[in-house]
Each structure stands twice: as C-alpha cells, then as structure tokens.
PDB file of all heavy atoms in Angstrom:
ATOM      1  N   ARG A   1       0.833  -1.214   0.000  1.00  0.00           N
ATOM      2  CA  ARG A   1       0.001   0.003   0.001  1.00  0.00           C
ATOM      3  C   ARG A   1       0.863   1.258   0.005  1.00  0.00           C
ATOM      4  O   ARG A   1       0.582   2.216  -0.715  1.00  0.00           O
ATOM      5  CB  ARG A   1      -0.935  -0.013   1.215  1.00  0.00           C
ATOM      6  CG  ARG A   1      -1.862   1.156   1.272  1.00  0.00           C
ATOM      7  CD  ARG A   1      -2.837   1.155   0.086  1.00  0.00           C
ATOM      8  NE  ARG A   1      -3.604   2.362   0.113  1.00  0.00           N
ATOM      9  CZ  ARG A   1      -3.837   3.143  -0.939  1.00  0.00           C
ATOM     10  NH1 ARG A   1      -3.373   2.811  -2.123  1.00  0.00           N
ATOM     11  NH2 ARG A   1      -4.544   4.225  -0.817  1.00  0.00           N
ATOM     12  N   LEU A   2       1.927   1.280   0.772  1.00  0.00           N
ATOM     13  CA  LEU A   2       2.814   2.437   0.825  1.00  0.00           C
ATOM     14  C   LEU A   2       3.521   2.652  -0.526  1.00  0.00           C
ATOM     15  O   LEU A   2       3.612   3.789  -0.999  1.00  0.00           O
ATOM     16  CB  LEU A   2       3.844   2.280   1.945  1.00  0.00           C
ATOM     17  CG  LEU A   2       4.815   3.438   2.170  1.00  0.00           C
ATOM     18  CD1 LEU A   2       4.096   4.770   2.352  1.00  0.00           C
ATOM     19  CD2 LEU A   2       5.710   3.141   3.356  1.00  0.00           C
ATOM     20  N   VAL A   3       3.989   1.595  -1.150  1.00  0.00           N
ATOM     21  CA  VAL A   3       4.608   1.716  -2.473  1.00  0.00           C
ATOM     22  C   VAL A   3       3.606   2.264  -3.474  1.00  0.00           C
ATOM     23  O   VAL A   3       3.932   3.120  -4.297  1.00  0.00           O
ATOM     24  CB  VAL A   3       5.206   0.361  -2.935  1.00  0.00           C
ATOM     25  CG1 VAL A   3       5.607   0.407  -4.409  1.00  0.00           C
ATOM     26  CG2 VAL A   3       6.380  -0.040  -2.060  1.00  0.00           C
ATOM     27  N   ASP A   4       2.375   1.793  -3.388  1.00  0.00           N
ATOM     28  CA  ASP A   4       1.315   2.301  -4.261  1.00  0.00           C
ATOM     29  C   ASP A   4       1.067   3.784  -4.031  1.00  0.00           C
ATOM     30  O   ASP A   4       0.954   4.576  -4.978  1.00  0.00           O
ATOM     31  CB  ASP A   4       0.037   1.490  -4.028  1.00  0.00           C
ATOM     32  CG  ASP A   4      -1.078   1.865  -4.991  1.00  0.00           C
ATOM     33  OD1 ASP A   4      -0.804   1.938  -6.199  1.00  0.00           O
ATOM     34  OD2 ASP A   4      -2.212   2.062  -4.521  1.00  0.00           O
ATOM     35  N   VAL A   5       0.972   4.193  -2.780  1.00  0.00           N
ATOM     36  CA  VAL A   5       0.753   5.602  -2.442  1.00  0.00           C
ATOM     37  C   VAL A   5       1.904   6.473  -2.971  1.00  0.00           C
ATOM     38  O   VAL A   5       1.673   7.526  -3.563  1.00  0.00           O
ATOM     39  CB  VAL A   5       0.573   5.798  -0.919  1.00  0.00           C
ATOM     40  CG1 VAL A   5       0.682   7.254  -0.512  1.00  0.00           C
ATOM     41  CG2 VAL A   5      -0.769   5.217  -0.485  1.00  0.00           C
ATOM     42  N   LEU A   6       3.125   6.021  -2.780  1.00  0.00           N
ATOM     43  CA  LEU A   6       4.278   6.773  -3.269  1.00  0.00           C
ATOM     44  C   LEU A   6       4.254   6.872  -4.796  1.00  0.00           C
ATOM     45  O   LEU A   6       4.549   7.933  -5.355  1.00  0.00           O
ATOM     46  CB  LEU A   6       5.584   6.114  -2.805  1.00  0.00           C
ATOM     47  CG  LEU A   6       5.884   6.234  -1.319  1.00  0.00           C
ATOM     48  CD1 LEU A   6       7.017   5.305  -0.922  1.00  0.00           C
ATOM     49  CD2 LEU A   6       6.201   7.671  -0.948  1.00  0.00           C
ATOM     50  N   SER A   7       3.864   5.803  -5.453  1.00  0.00           N
ATOM     51  CA  SER A   7       3.802   5.810  -6.900  1.00  0.00           C
ATOM     52  C   SER A   7       2.743   6.788  -7.412  1.00  0.00           C
ATOM     53  O   SER A   7       2.974   7.519  -8.383  1.00  0.00           O
ATOM     54  CB  SER A   7       3.513   4.404  -7.418  1.00  0.00           C
ATOM     55  OG  SER A   7       3.457   4.372  -8.820  1.00  0.00           O
ATOM     56  N   VAL A   8       1.602   6.811  -6.755  1.00  0.00           N
ATOM     57  CA  VAL A   8       0.539   7.750  -7.145  1.00  0.00           C
ATOM     58  C   VAL A   8       0.974   9.185  -6.857  1.00  0.00           C
ATOM     59  O   VAL A   8       0.792  10.077  -7.681  1.00  0.00           O
ATOM     60  CB  VAL A   8      -0.786   7.409  -6.418  1.00  0.00           C
ATOM     61  CG1 VAL A   8      -1.812   8.511  -6.587  1.00  0.00           C
ATOM     62  CG2 VAL A   8      -1.335   6.083  -6.936  1.00  0.00           C
ATOM     63  N   GLU A   9       1.541   9.402  -5.682  1.00  0.00           N
ATOM     64  CA  GLU A   9       1.958  10.752  -5.296  1.00  0.00           C
ATOM     65  C   GLU A   9       3.075  11.294  -6.182  1.00  0.00           C
ATOM     66  O   GLU A   9       3.027  12.436  -6.631  1.00  0.00           O
ATOM     67  CB  GLU A   9       2.443  10.764  -3.848  1.00  0.00           C
ATOM     68  CG  GLU A   9       2.998  12.129  -3.414  1.00  0.00           C
ATOM     69  CD  GLU A   9       3.809  12.095  -2.130  1.00  0.00           C
ATOM     70  OE1 GLU A   9       3.852  11.070  -1.452  1.00  0.00           O
ATOM     71  OE2 GLU A   9       4.433  13.142  -1.850  1.00  0.00           O
ATOM     72  N   LEU A  10       4.088  10.466  -6.437  1.00  0.00           N
ATOM     73  CA  LEU A  10       5.304  10.958  -7.091  1.00  0.00           C
ATOM     74  C   LEU A  10       5.422  10.607  -8.567  1.00  0.00           C
ATOM     75  O   LEU A  10       6.132  11.298  -9.298  1.00  0.00           O
ATOM     76  CB  LEU A  10       6.538  10.445  -6.336  1.00  0.00           C
ATOM     77  CG  LEU A  10       6.664  10.907  -4.893  1.00  0.00           C
ATOM     78  CD1 LEU A  10       7.817  10.193  -4.211  1.00  0.00           C
ATOM     79  CD2 LEU A  10       6.846  12.416  -4.835  1.00  0.00           C
ATOM     80  N   GLY A  11       4.801   9.525  -8.994  1.00  0.00           N
ATOM     81  CA  GLY A  11       4.906   9.123 -10.394  1.00  0.00           C
ATOM     82  C   GLY A  11       6.341   8.954 -10.834  1.00  0.00           C
ATOM     83  O   GLY A  11       7.077   8.161 -10.288  1.00  0.00           O
ATOM     84  N   GLU A  12       6.757   9.746 -11.820  1.00  0.00           N
ATOM     85  CA  GLU A  12       8.123   9.660 -12.357  1.00  0.00           C
ATOM     86  C   GLU A  12       9.135  10.461 -11.534  1.00  0.00           C
ATOM     87  O   GLU A  12      10.306  10.506 -11.886  1.00  0.00           O
ATOM     88  CB  GLU A  12       8.146  10.136 -13.814  1.00  0.00           C
ATOM     89  CG  GLU A  12       7.433   9.216 -14.777  1.00  0.00           C
ATOM     90  CD  GLU A  12       8.032   7.801 -14.806  1.00  0.00           C
ATOM     91  OE1 GLU A  12       9.262   7.643 -14.623  1.00  0.00           O
ATOM     92  OE2 GLU A  12       7.269   6.845 -15.006  1.00  0.00           O
ATOM     93  N   ASN A  13       8.676  11.083 -10.466  1.00  0.00           N
ATOM     94  CA  ASN A  13       9.583  11.849  -9.614  1.00  0.00           C
ATOM     95  C   ASN A  13      10.250  10.948  -8.571  1.00  0.00           C
ATOM     96  O   ASN A  13       9.786   9.847  -8.292  1.00  0.00           O
ATOM     97  CB  ASN A  13       8.822  12.977  -8.907  1.00  0.00           C
ATOM     98  CG  ASN A  13       8.320  13.994  -9.903  1.00  0.00           C
ATOM     99  OD1 ASN A  13       9.054  14.474 -10.762  1.00  0.00           O
ATOM    100  ND2 ASN A  13       7.025  14.306  -9.813  1.00  0.00           N
ATOM    101  N   THR A  14      11.317  11.465  -7.999  1.00  0.00           N
ATOM    102  CA  THR A  14      12.068  10.707  -7.001  1.00  0.00           C
ATOM    103  C   THR A  14      11.617  11.068  -5.587  1.00  0.00           C
ATOM    104  O   THR A  14      10.804  11.984  -5.397  1.00  0.00           O
ATOM    105  CB  THR A  14      13.575  10.975  -7.150  1.00  0.00           C
ATOM    106  OG1 THR A  14      13.822  12.357  -6.919  1.00  0.00           O
ATOM    107  CG2 THR A  14      14.080  10.577  -8.534  1.00  0.00           C
ATOM    108  N   ALA A  15      12.199  10.398  -4.611  1.00  0.00           N
ATOM    109  CA  ALA A  15      11.831  10.619  -3.209  1.00  0.00           C
ATOM    110  C   ALA A  15      12.026  12.071  -2.783  1.00  0.00           C
ATOM    111  O   ALA A  15      11.259  12.579  -1.957  1.00  0.00           O
ATOM    112  CB  ALA A  15      12.648   9.692  -2.312  1.00  0.00           C
ATOM    113  N   GLY A  16      13.012  12.727  -3.336  1.00  0.00           N
ATOM    114  CA  GLY A  16      13.276  14.116  -2.975  1.00  0.00           C
ATOM    115  C   GLY A  16      12.164  15.081  -3.355  1.00  0.00           C
ATOM    116  O   GLY A  16      12.132  16.201  -2.867  1.00  0.00           O
ATOM    117  N   SER A  17      11.238  14.646  -4.182  1.00  0.00           N
ATOM    118  CA  SER A  17      10.144  15.502  -4.629  1.00  0.00           C
ATOM    119  C   SER A  17       8.911  15.451  -3.739  1.00  0.00           C
ATOM    120  O   SER A  17       7.959  16.179  -3.964  1.00  0.00           O
ATOM    121  CB  SER A  17       9.722  15.114  -6.054  1.00  0.00           C
ATOM    122  OG  SER A  17      10.785  15.250  -6.948  1.00  0.00           O
ATOM    123  N   THR A  18       8.939  14.593  -2.750  1.00  0.00           N
ATOM    124  CA  THR A  18       7.749  14.436  -1.914  1.00  0.00           C
ATOM    125  C   THR A  18       7.464  15.673  -1.080  1.00  0.00           C
ATOM    126  O   THR A  18       8.370  16.383  -0.651  1.00  0.00           O
ATOM    127  CB  THR A  18       7.875  13.191  -0.994  1.00  0.00           C
ATOM    128  OG1 THR A  18       6.622  12.999  -0.332  1.00  0.00           O
ATOM    129  CG2 THR A  18       8.979  13.375   0.032  1.00  0.00           C
ATOM    130  N   ARG A  19       6.187  15.916  -0.856  1.00  0.00           N
ATOM    131  CA  ARG A  19       5.760  16.986   0.057  1.00  0.00           C
ATOM    132  C   ARG A  19       5.646  16.442   1.476  1.00  0.00           C
ATOM    133  O   ARG A  19       5.463  17.196   2.431  1.00  0.00           O
ATOM    134  CB  ARG A  19       4.414  17.556  -0.385  1.00  0.00           C
ATOM    135  CG  ARG A  19       4.434  18.258  -1.719  1.00  0.00           C
ATOM    136  CD  ARG A  19       3.038  18.696  -2.100  1.00  0.00           C
ATOM    137  NE  ARG A  19       2.098  17.615  -1.782  1.00  0.00           N
ATOM    138  CZ  ARG A  19       1.225  17.085  -2.617  1.00  0.00           C
ATOM    139  NH1 ARG A  19       1.107  17.535  -3.803  1.00  0.00           N
ATOM    140  NH2 ARG A  19       0.428  16.099  -2.260  1.00  0.00           N
ATOM    141  N   LEU A  20       5.713  15.131   1.592  1.00  0.00           N
ATOM    142  CA  LEU A  20       5.564  14.478   2.889  1.00  0.00           C
ATOM    143  C   LEU A  20       6.785  13.582   3.141  1.00  0.00           C
ATOM    144  O   LEU A  20       6.729  12.360   2.958  1.00  0.00           O
ATOM    145  CB  LEU A  20       4.277  13.636   2.930  1.00  0.00           C
ATOM    146  CG  LEU A  20       2.984  14.416   2.700  1.00  0.00           C
ATOM    147  CD1 LEU A  20       1.828  13.474   2.422  1.00  0.00           C
ATOM    148  CD2 LEU A  20       2.691  15.289   3.901  1.00  0.00           C
ATOM    149  N   PRO A  21       7.895  14.177   3.575  1.00  0.00           N
ATOM    150  CA  PRO A  21       9.115  13.376   3.755  1.00  0.00           C
ATOM    151  C   PRO A  21       8.977  12.252   4.779  1.00  0.00           C
ATOM    152  O   PRO A  21       9.721  11.272   4.710  1.00  0.00           O
ATOM    153  CB  PRO A  21      10.157  14.403   4.198  1.00  0.00           C
ATOM    154  CG  PRO A  21       9.409  15.622   4.582  1.00  0.00           C
ATOM    155  CD  PRO A  21       8.096  15.577   3.898  1.00  0.00           C
ATOM    156  N   GLU A  22       8.009  12.356   5.672  1.00  0.00           N
ATOM    157  CA  GLU A  22       7.817  11.291   6.652  1.00  0.00           C
ATOM    158  C   GLU A  22       7.420   9.985   5.967  1.00  0.00           C
ATOM    159  O   GLU A  22       7.676   8.901   6.489  1.00  0.00           O
ATOM    160  CB  GLU A  22       6.811  11.680   7.741  1.00  0.00           C
ATOM    161  CG  GLU A  22       5.444  12.021   7.257  1.00  0.00           C
ATOM    162  CD  GLU A  22       5.241  13.500   6.894  1.00  0.00           C
ATOM    163  OE1 GLU A  22       6.214  14.244   6.709  1.00  0.00           O
ATOM    164  OE2 GLU A  22       4.073  13.913   6.770  1.00  0.00           O
ATOM    165  N   ARG A  23       6.811  10.065   4.783  1.00  0.00           N
ATOM    166  CA  ARG A  23       6.486   8.833   4.051  1.00  0.00           C
ATOM    167  C   ARG A  23       7.765   8.110   3.621  1.00  0.00           C
ATOM    168  O   ARG A  23       7.821   6.884   3.640  1.00  0.00           O
ATOM    169  CB  ARG A  23       5.647   9.146   2.809  1.00  0.00           C
ATOM    170  CG  ARG A  23       4.210   9.316   3.102  1.00  0.00           C
ATOM    171  CD  ARG A  23       3.385   9.306   1.839  1.00  0.00           C
ATOM    172  NE  ARG A  23       2.001   9.570   2.185  1.00  0.00           N
ATOM    173  CZ  ARG A  23       1.169  10.246   1.444  1.00  0.00           C
ATOM    174  NH1 ARG A  23       1.561  10.731   0.276  1.00  0.00           N
ATOM    175  NH2 ARG A  23      -0.061  10.445   1.827  1.00  0.00           N
ATOM    176  N   ILE A  24       8.762   8.862   3.227  1.00  0.00           N
ATOM    177  CA  ILE A  24      10.025   8.263   2.801  1.00  0.00           C
ATOM    178  C   ILE A  24      10.727   7.637   4.014  1.00  0.00           C
ATOM    179  O   ILE A  24      11.290   6.540   3.940  1.00  0.00           O
ATOM    180  CB  ILE A  24      10.938   9.289   2.109  1.00  0.00           C
ATOM    181  CG1 ILE A  24      10.178  10.011   0.972  1.00  0.00           C
ATOM    182  CG2 ILE A  24      12.226   8.645   1.619  1.00  0.00           C
ATOM    183  CD1 ILE A  24       9.576   9.116  -0.076  1.00  0.00           C
ATOM    184  N   ILE A  25      10.657   8.347   5.143  1.00  0.00           N
ATOM    185  CA  ILE A  25      11.242   7.812   6.375  1.00  0.00           C
ATOM    186  C   ILE A  25      10.501   6.539   6.797  1.00  0.00           C
ATOM    187  O   ILE A  25      11.134   5.537   7.137  1.00  0.00           O
ATOM    188  CB  ILE A  25      11.204   8.875   7.499  1.00  0.00           C
ATOM    189  CG1 ILE A  25      12.119  10.042   7.111  1.00  0.00           C
ATOM    190  CG2 ILE A  25      11.587   8.280   8.845  1.00  0.00           C
ATOM    191  CD1 ILE A  25      11.934  11.274   7.948  1.00  0.00           C
ATOM    192  N   ASP A  26       9.178   6.563   6.736  1.00  0.00           N
ATOM    193  CA  ASP A  26       8.386   5.379   7.048  1.00  0.00           C
ATOM    194  C   ASP A  26       8.754   4.229   6.121  1.00  0.00           C
ATOM    195  O   ASP A  26       8.918   3.084   6.550  1.00  0.00           O
ATOM    196  CB  ASP A  26       6.887   5.651   6.923  1.00  0.00           C
ATOM    197  CG  ASP A  26       6.345   6.539   8.024  1.00  0.00           C
ATOM    198  OD1 ASP A  26       7.055   6.759   9.030  1.00  0.00           O
ATOM    199  OD2 ASP A  26       5.212   7.026   7.864  1.00  0.00           O
ATOM    200  N   PHE A  27       8.876   4.537   4.835  1.00  0.00           N
ATOM    201  CA  PHE A  27       9.215   3.519   3.842  1.00  0.00           C
ATOM    202  C   PHE A  27      10.561   2.869   4.180  1.00  0.00           C
ATOM    203  O   PHE A  27      10.671   1.640   4.239  1.00  0.00           O
ATOM    204  CB  PHE A  27       9.258   4.156   2.448  1.00  0.00           C
ATOM    205  CG  PHE A  27       9.750   3.245   1.377  1.00  0.00           C
ATOM    206  CD1 PHE A  27       8.949   2.230   0.873  1.00  0.00           C
ATOM    207  CD2 PHE A  27      11.030   3.369   0.869  1.00  0.00           C
ATOM    208  CE1 PHE A  27       9.420   1.370  -0.106  1.00  0.00           C
ATOM    209  CE2 PHE A  27      11.507   2.537  -0.118  1.00  0.00           C
ATOM    210  CZ  PHE A  27      10.698   1.528  -0.605  1.00  0.00           C
ATOM    211  N   ALA A  28      11.568   3.680   4.430  1.00  0.00           N
ATOM    212  CA  ALA A  28      12.898   3.153   4.749  1.00  0.00           C
ATOM    213  C   ALA A  28      12.866   2.325   6.027  1.00  0.00           C
ATOM    214  O   ALA A  28      13.489   1.260   6.117  1.00  0.00           O
ATOM    215  CB  ALA A  28      13.915   4.298   4.876  1.00  0.00           C
TER     216      ALA A  28
END
C-alpha cells in the first residue's frame, strides 16, 4: 500500500520531490 501511495503521489519523480518526507522515512 505504501509503495502504491508513493507511486501515485510521485509518479516519475524521486523521493526528494515528496511533500511528505515522513512517508520516505516510514518507507525506509
């Protein structure tokens, strides 16, 4: 579910483009 959310949110963008960095921290 988290990978899906990140894919929808960011698409072709990388982790650095997120508006919610806590998602990247949660993912890691």
